Protein backbone atom coordinates (compact mmCIF):
# COMPACT_ATOMS: atom_id res chain seq x y z
CA MET A 1 103.69 45.67 256.41
CA THR A 2 100.08 45.96 255.27
CA ARG A 3 100.00 48.70 252.65
CA TRP A 4 96.31 48.61 251.86
CA ARG A 5 93.12 46.93 253.06
CA PRO A 6 91.15 46.39 249.86
CA ASP A 7 87.49 47.29 249.55
CA GLU A 8 87.09 48.83 253.04
CA THR A 9 86.45 52.29 251.56
CA ALA A 10 84.48 53.50 248.56
CA ILE A 11 83.62 56.44 246.36
CA ALA A 12 79.97 57.05 247.14
CA GLY A 13 79.28 60.29 245.26
CA ILE A 14 80.56 62.30 242.31
CA GLY A 15 79.87 65.82 241.13
CA GLN A 16 81.05 68.22 238.48
CA THR A 17 80.28 71.55 236.89
CA GLU A 18 79.93 72.06 233.17
CA PHE A 19 83.26 72.15 231.33
CA SER A 20 83.95 75.32 229.38
CA LYS A 21 86.58 77.72 228.11
CA GLU A 22 85.18 80.65 230.11
CA SER A 23 83.14 79.75 233.16
CA GLY A 24 82.18 83.33 234.00
CA ARG A 25 82.51 82.71 237.73
CA SER A 26 85.18 82.32 240.38
CA GLU A 27 87.19 79.19 241.00
CA LEU A 28 85.71 79.07 244.50
CA GLN A 29 82.20 78.99 243.09
CA LEU A 30 83.18 76.16 240.72
CA ALA A 31 84.64 74.21 243.66
CA CYS A 32 81.55 74.73 245.78
CA GLU A 33 79.21 73.70 242.96
CA ALA A 34 81.14 70.48 242.36
CA VAL A 35 81.40 69.64 246.07
CA ALA A 36 77.70 70.31 246.67
CA ALA A 37 76.75 68.15 243.67
CA ALA A 38 78.92 65.25 244.90
CA ILE A 39 77.35 65.38 248.36
CA VAL A 40 73.84 65.35 246.86
CA ASP A 41 74.81 62.49 244.54
CA ALA A 42 75.96 60.48 247.58
CA GLY A 43 72.62 61.07 249.32
CA LEU A 44 74.28 62.91 252.19
CA SER A 45 74.00 66.37 253.72
CA PRO A 46 76.89 68.83 254.02
CA SER A 47 76.83 68.50 257.81
CA GLU A 48 77.87 64.83 257.46
CA VAL A 49 81.16 65.74 255.75
CA ASP A 50 84.12 65.96 258.14
CA GLY A 51 87.09 65.82 255.76
CA LEU A 52 88.33 67.71 252.70
CA VAL A 53 91.24 66.96 250.37
CA THR A 54 92.47 68.94 247.37
CA PHE A 55 95.65 69.77 245.42
CA THR A 56 98.42 72.08 246.62
CA MET A 57 97.84 73.87 243.30
CA ASP A 58 94.15 74.44 244.07
CA GLN A 59 93.36 78.02 245.11
CA ASN A 60 90.20 77.10 247.03
CA ALA A 61 90.96 76.69 250.73
CA GLN A 62 89.09 73.99 252.62
CA THR A 63 87.83 76.59 255.09
CA GLU A 64 86.22 78.61 252.31
CA VAL A 65 84.68 75.60 250.60
CA ALA A 66 83.31 74.28 253.90
CA ARG A 67 81.80 77.65 254.87
CA ASN A 68 80.11 78.20 251.51
CA VAL A 69 78.76 74.67 251.10
CA GLY A 70 77.48 74.42 254.68
CA ILE A 71 79.96 71.87 255.97
CA GLY A 72 80.42 72.15 259.74
CA ASP A 73 83.31 70.86 261.82
CA VAL A 74 86.14 69.35 259.77
CA GLN A 75 88.58 66.97 261.47
CA PHE A 76 90.73 65.94 258.52
CA PHE A 77 92.14 68.06 255.69
CA THR A 78 95.19 67.93 253.48
CA ASN A 79 96.60 69.02 250.12
CA VAL A 80 98.40 66.73 247.69
CA PRO A 81 101.31 68.13 245.61
CA PHE A 82 102.72 67.62 242.10
CA GLY A 83 99.93 68.88 239.87
CA GLY A 84 98.10 66.21 237.91
CA GLY A 85 99.99 63.52 239.78
CA ALA A 86 97.79 64.34 242.78
CA ALA A 87 94.42 63.29 241.33
CA ALA A 88 94.20 59.67 242.51
CA GLY A 89 96.32 60.71 245.49
CA THR A 90 93.45 62.80 246.85
CA VAL A 91 91.28 59.68 246.92
CA ALA A 92 94.10 57.64 248.47
CA GLN A 93 94.56 60.22 251.25
CA ALA A 94 90.82 60.36 251.86
CA ALA A 95 90.53 56.57 251.98
CA TRP A 96 93.48 56.27 254.38
CA ALA A 97 91.82 58.84 256.67
CA VAL A 98 88.48 57.03 256.60
CA ALA A 99 90.06 53.60 257.14
CA ALA A 100 92.07 54.95 260.09
CA GLY A 101 89.02 56.55 261.67
CA ALA A 102 90.33 60.08 261.26
CA ALA A 103 87.17 61.07 259.36
CA ASP A 104 83.86 59.51 258.33
CA VAL A 105 83.07 61.30 255.05
CA VAL A 106 85.80 63.01 253.02
CA VAL A 107 85.27 65.07 249.88
CA CYS A 108 88.07 65.39 247.32
CA TYR A 109 87.87 68.31 244.90
CA ARG A 110 89.69 70.28 242.20
CA ALA A 111 88.43 73.44 240.49
CA PHE A 112 90.03 76.09 238.32
CA ASN A 113 89.68 78.52 235.45
CA GLU A 114 92.62 77.04 233.58
CA ARG A 115 91.54 78.40 230.21
CA SER A 116 90.10 81.81 231.05
CA GLY A 117 92.56 82.36 233.91
CA ALA A 118 96.18 81.26 234.41
CA ARG A 119 97.14 78.78 231.70
CA PHE A 120 99.63 76.00 232.42
CA GLY A 121 100.96 75.94 228.87
CA ASP A 122 101.91 79.63 228.82
CA ALA A 123 105.71 79.89 228.56
CA GLY A 124 105.57 83.59 229.47
CA ARG A 125 104.01 82.68 232.80
CA THR A 126 106.77 80.13 233.40
CA ILE A 127 109.51 82.67 232.65
CA ALA A 128 107.94 85.27 234.93
CA ALA A 129 108.00 82.88 237.88
CA MET A 130 110.89 80.58 236.97
CA PRO A 131 111.88 78.55 240.05
CA PRO A 132 115.59 78.01 240.78
CA TRP A 133 115.54 74.39 239.61
CA MET A 134 114.43 75.45 236.13
CA ALA A 135 117.53 77.61 235.70
CA TRP A 136 119.40 74.51 234.49
CA TYR A 137 117.24 74.00 231.41
CA GLY A 138 114.74 76.86 231.11
CA PRO A 139 117.17 79.12 229.21
CA PHE A 140 117.43 76.42 226.52
CA GLY A 141 113.71 76.52 225.77
CA LEU A 142 112.34 73.76 228.03
CA LEU A 143 109.62 75.99 229.44
CA THR A 144 106.30 74.22 228.94
CA PRO A 145 104.79 70.79 229.68
CA ALA A 146 104.74 70.06 225.94
CA SER A 147 108.49 70.61 225.66
CA TRP A 148 109.21 68.46 228.71
CA VAL A 149 107.06 65.58 227.50
CA ALA A 150 108.52 65.79 223.99
CA LEU A 151 111.99 65.32 225.46
CA HIS A 152 110.97 61.97 226.98
CA ALA A 153 108.87 60.95 224.01
CA ARG A 154 111.69 61.57 221.53
CA ARG A 155 113.91 59.13 223.40
CA TYR A 156 111.08 56.56 223.37
CA MET A 157 110.49 57.07 219.65
CA GLU A 158 114.15 56.56 218.81
CA ARG A 159 114.45 53.46 220.98
CA TYR A 160 111.37 51.64 219.65
CA GLY A 161 110.94 52.95 216.13
CA VAL A 162 107.79 54.92 216.93
CA ASN A 163 106.63 57.96 214.95
CA ASN A 164 103.96 60.58 215.45
CA ALA A 165 101.40 58.60 213.44
CA ASP A 166 101.55 55.91 216.15
CA PHE A 167 100.13 58.42 218.65
CA ALA A 168 97.08 59.16 216.50
CA PRO A 169 94.84 56.31 217.79
CA ILE A 170 94.89 57.79 221.30
CA ALA A 171 93.56 61.14 220.06
CA ILE A 172 91.07 59.47 217.72
CA VAL A 173 89.67 57.21 220.47
CA ASP A 174 89.38 60.06 222.97
CA ARG A 175 87.58 62.27 220.50
CA MET A 176 85.34 59.37 219.41
CA HIS A 177 84.27 58.85 223.02
CA ALA A 178 83.89 62.60 223.61
CA ALA A 179 81.66 62.86 220.54
CA ASN A 180 79.07 60.70 222.36
CA ASN A 181 79.38 62.56 225.67
CA PRO A 182 77.12 65.64 226.04
CA ALA A 183 79.30 66.85 228.95
CA ALA A 184 82.46 66.84 226.82
CA TRP A 185 83.82 70.03 225.27
CA PHE A 186 84.32 68.13 222.00
CA HIS A 187 80.85 66.57 222.03
CA ASP A 188 79.78 65.64 218.50
CA ARG A 189 83.23 66.52 217.12
CA PRO A 190 85.17 63.32 216.34
CA ILE A 191 88.43 63.37 214.37
CA THR A 192 90.05 61.12 211.79
CA PHE A 193 93.61 59.95 211.29
CA ASP A 194 93.99 62.55 208.55
CA ASP A 195 92.77 65.27 210.91
CA HIS A 196 95.42 64.26 213.42
CA GLN A 197 98.19 64.24 210.86
CA ALA A 198 97.10 67.60 209.42
CA SER A 199 97.13 69.36 212.80
CA ARG A 200 100.03 71.75 213.27
CA TRP A 201 103.24 70.84 215.01
CA ILE A 202 103.71 71.93 218.61
CA VAL A 203 107.09 70.21 219.06
CA GLU A 204 108.29 68.67 215.79
CA PRO A 205 108.58 65.70 215.19
CA VAL A 206 106.89 64.55 218.41
CA LEU A 207 103.72 66.46 219.27
CA ARG A 208 101.01 67.85 217.03
CA LEU A 209 98.18 70.03 218.31
CA LEU A 210 95.85 67.01 218.55
CA ASP A 211 98.39 65.19 220.72
CA CYS A 212 98.00 67.84 223.44
CA CYS A 213 95.24 68.07 226.03
CA GLN A 214 92.93 71.02 226.08
CA GLU A 215 92.69 73.77 228.69
CA SER A 216 89.41 73.90 230.60
CA ASP A 217 87.41 75.77 233.22
CA GLY A 218 85.47 73.59 235.64
CA GLY A 219 85.33 71.64 238.86
CA VAL A 220 85.05 67.99 239.94
CA ALA A 221 84.47 66.44 243.37
CA LEU A 222 84.18 62.94 244.89
CA VAL A 223 82.84 61.64 248.21
CA VAL A 224 84.81 58.91 250.03
CA THR A 225 83.45 56.95 252.98
CA THR A 226 83.49 53.41 254.34
CA ALA A 227 82.31 50.65 252.02
CA GLU A 228 79.76 49.61 254.67
CA ARG A 229 78.20 53.05 254.75
CA ALA A 230 78.39 53.47 250.98
CA ARG A 231 76.30 50.34 250.47
CA ASP A 232 73.45 52.02 252.37
CA LEU A 233 73.57 55.13 250.16
CA PRO A 234 71.70 55.61 246.85
CA GLN A 235 74.53 54.99 244.37
CA THR A 236 76.37 51.79 243.51
CA PRO A 237 79.67 52.11 245.40
CA ALA A 238 83.01 52.15 243.64
CA LEU A 239 85.12 50.19 246.12
CA ILE A 240 88.70 51.40 246.45
CA THR A 241 90.45 48.08 245.93
CA ALA A 242 93.91 49.67 245.77
CA ALA A 243 95.38 53.15 245.84
CA ALA A 244 99.00 54.14 245.56
CA GLN A 245 101.24 57.17 245.39
CA GLY A 246 104.89 57.13 244.45
CA PHE A 247 107.95 58.59 242.82
CA ALA A 248 111.03 56.67 241.77
CA SER A 249 114.58 57.62 242.70
CA ASP A 250 115.99 60.89 241.35
CA ALA A 251 112.53 62.18 240.45
CA ASP A 252 112.15 65.66 238.97
CA MET A 253 109.15 67.56 237.64
CA MET A 254 108.60 66.17 234.12
CA THR A 255 112.21 66.36 232.97
CA ALA A 256 114.01 63.46 234.71
CA TYR A 257 116.94 65.87 234.88
CA TYR A 258 118.80 63.81 237.49
CA ARG A 259 118.22 60.38 235.97
CA ASP A 260 120.68 58.55 233.75
CA ASP A 261 118.10 57.89 231.03
CA LEU A 262 114.89 59.49 229.79
CA LEU A 263 113.41 56.17 228.68
CA GLY A 264 110.25 55.05 230.45
CA LEU A 265 108.07 56.44 233.24
CA PRO A 266 109.44 54.80 236.39
CA ASP A 267 107.13 56.73 238.72
CA ILE A 268 104.00 55.19 237.21
CA GLY A 269 105.85 51.87 237.08
CA LEU A 270 106.29 52.01 240.86
CA VAL A 271 102.62 52.92 241.36
CA ALA A 272 101.59 50.07 239.04
CA ARG A 273 103.56 47.47 240.98
CA ASN A 274 101.90 48.54 244.22
CA LEU A 275 98.41 48.62 242.68
CA TRP A 276 98.71 45.07 241.36
CA ASN A 277 100.33 43.78 244.55
CA ASP A 278 97.80 45.40 246.86
CA SER A 279 94.71 44.52 244.82
CA GLY A 280 95.72 41.01 243.84
CA LEU A 281 94.49 41.91 240.35
CA ARG A 282 96.30 42.17 237.04
CA PRO A 283 95.98 44.29 233.88
CA THR A 284 93.83 41.59 232.25
CA ASP A 285 91.24 42.03 235.04
CA MET A 286 90.58 45.67 234.11
CA GLY A 287 87.35 46.17 232.19
CA THR A 288 88.19 49.80 231.47
CA ALA A 289 90.87 52.37 232.27
CA PHE A 290 91.42 56.07 232.45
CA LEU A 291 95.07 56.73 231.64
CA TYR A 292 96.13 60.33 232.16
CA ASP A 293 96.28 61.67 228.62
CA HIS A 294 97.80 65.13 228.91
CA PHE A 295 99.95 64.16 225.88
CA THR A 296 99.41 61.09 223.71
CA PRO A 297 102.97 59.62 223.84
CA PHE A 298 102.74 59.19 227.60
CA VAL A 299 99.64 57.01 227.19
CA LEU A 300 101.69 54.50 225.18
CA MET A 301 104.46 54.60 227.75
CA GLN A 302 101.97 54.10 230.59
CA LEU A 303 100.50 51.01 228.94
CA GLU A 304 103.95 49.44 228.99
CA GLU A 305 104.76 50.47 232.57
CA LEU A 306 101.38 49.15 233.72
CA GLY A 307 101.94 45.77 232.09
CA PHE A 308 99.26 45.83 229.39
CA CYS A 309 102.03 45.18 226.85
CA GLY A 310 105.80 44.83 226.78
CA PRO A 311 108.40 47.54 226.15
CA GLY A 312 108.01 48.95 222.65
CA GLU A 313 104.76 47.03 222.02
CA ALA A 314 102.26 49.80 222.78
CA LYS A 315 102.25 51.12 219.21
CA ASP A 316 100.81 47.76 218.08
CA PHE A 317 98.46 47.46 221.08
CA CYS A 318 97.02 50.94 220.50
CA THR A 319 94.47 50.44 217.76
CA VAL A 320 91.08 52.10 217.67
CA GLU A 321 89.46 48.66 217.86
CA ASN A 322 91.41 47.72 221.01
CA LEU A 323 90.74 50.95 222.87
CA THR A 324 87.01 51.42 222.27
CA VAL A 325 83.97 49.63 223.73
CA GLY A 326 84.22 45.97 222.79
CA GLY A 327 88.02 46.09 222.59
CA ALA A 328 90.72 44.69 224.87
CA LEU A 329 90.92 47.88 226.98
CA PRO A 330 88.22 50.52 226.51
CA LEU A 331 90.13 53.69 227.30
CA ASN A 332 89.06 57.13 228.55
CA THR A 333 85.43 56.49 227.74
CA SER A 334 84.32 60.02 228.66
CA GLY A 335 86.75 61.48 226.12
CA GLY A 336 89.64 61.95 228.52
CA LEU A 337 91.66 65.12 228.96
CA LEU A 338 91.95 65.48 225.18
CA GLY A 339 88.23 65.18 224.49
CA GLU A 340 86.13 65.82 227.58
CA ALA A 341 88.01 68.36 229.72
CA TYR A 342 91.28 68.93 231.51
CA ILE A 343 90.43 69.04 235.20
CA HIS A 344 93.81 67.74 236.31
CA GLY A 345 92.63 64.13 235.92
CA MET A 346 89.79 64.24 238.45
CA ASN A 347 87.21 63.76 235.69
CA GLY A 348 88.91 60.47 234.83
CA ILE A 349 88.05 59.15 238.29
CA THR A 350 84.40 60.16 237.95
CA GLU A 351 84.20 58.39 234.58
CA VAL A 352 85.50 55.09 235.97
CA VAL A 353 82.96 55.44 238.79
CA ARG A 354 80.22 55.88 236.17
CA GLN A 355 81.45 52.77 234.36
CA LEU A 356 81.16 50.76 237.57
CA ARG A 357 77.68 52.17 238.17
CA GLY A 358 76.66 51.32 234.60
CA THR A 359 75.82 54.93 233.73
CA SER A 360 78.57 55.95 231.29
CA VAL A 361 77.50 57.32 227.91
CA ASN A 362 80.00 54.85 226.41
CA GLN A 363 79.18 51.99 228.74
CA VAL A 364 81.35 48.89 228.70
CA PRO A 365 79.21 45.80 229.43
CA GLY A 366 79.89 43.94 232.65
CA VAL A 367 82.65 46.13 234.10
CA GLU A 368 83.81 44.85 237.48
CA HIS A 369 87.19 46.58 237.83
CA GLY A 370 88.60 49.85 236.48
CA LEU A 371 92.02 51.49 236.57
CA VAL A 372 92.83 55.19 237.00
CA THR A 373 96.23 56.83 236.61
CA SER A 374 97.24 60.39 237.40
CA GLY A 375 99.75 62.79 235.86
CA THR A 376 102.87 61.18 234.45
CA GLY A 377 106.39 62.52 234.31
CA VAL A 378 105.82 63.71 237.88
CA PRO A 379 105.40 62.03 241.28
CA THR A 380 102.08 60.34 240.73
CA SER A 381 99.25 58.12 241.93
CA GLY A 382 96.73 55.56 240.79
CA LEU A 383 93.59 53.64 241.74
CA VAL A 384 91.99 50.27 241.15
CA LEU A 385 88.23 50.56 241.65
CA THR A 386 85.73 47.69 241.88
CA ARG A 387 81.95 47.58 241.51
CA GLY A 388 80.44 47.31 244.98
């Protein structure tokens, strides 16, 4: 079975709003602004778009976005589930549609007021709408993403002798990159190791405040079309060399409730195997990566699942020198979800596209290939992108 035909499709345009804590406008307006910007960036007109993909969690229906942006007839549309795990999945679905001839130009988007509106980290909101599956562990206090991630991370820490200080380089690197990025919420606000260690506990002894991603208002969009067409458009294409979605057996939303062990992130491990198999590339070929950094411990665990280092070795791999420009794996060069904004991982895709174009504010010289991962602890997705 042929899973993927590398480099037949490409990301030809990217767009985003400003990132804020109070946008002052509707989520639909944010979505439309981002989509319109991506279409302009691709050198296309709205009438040339015939496909739209977003998240099941997005409140902005494709019909409303199309009407307000000026998109005409749409012949492909879909929504991808599982929160942040959907980010790269939107691009995968768009690329599959384009490769199959179901659409010619597909826009992927995500927009929300996640700080000024409904906040994902609000336990009160979770209690008010507790789904039946949460009845098994919600009454014991496992009500927020931070508590779910800490459960996994604690097992990892015990197994490999990791402590909270080992997570600090991820936060430091993200904030260092954000400090150089005028679009980042934490522009010009780097942190030190001491700052990290002085931040208050969220879940002791696992997560401090600076281990947790921020909450943001904003929107991001991307344009996917054929590689052939993208090469005739204004921007350097980001070829979609591989894209994968997946969840391992007995998956559950961020808790691994049904699995025998909490150790590891088997869903991203499955995605990783398919990315490397389909692309023919390996971790050492990646010039840069955006690893979904909703919480710092899961970045270390992803590095191991992806094959950048062996089990238990990420704490030694994760140094500031290794993860910044000039290091072995420049990571989250826009500032990531911790430093730039939390737009459910879509802004990580746009940053890898900028790296391949050569336009990042923290540009890595000579990037040919970049890796993107989506939300971890959930059914997830990933991309390998190549300079066109």
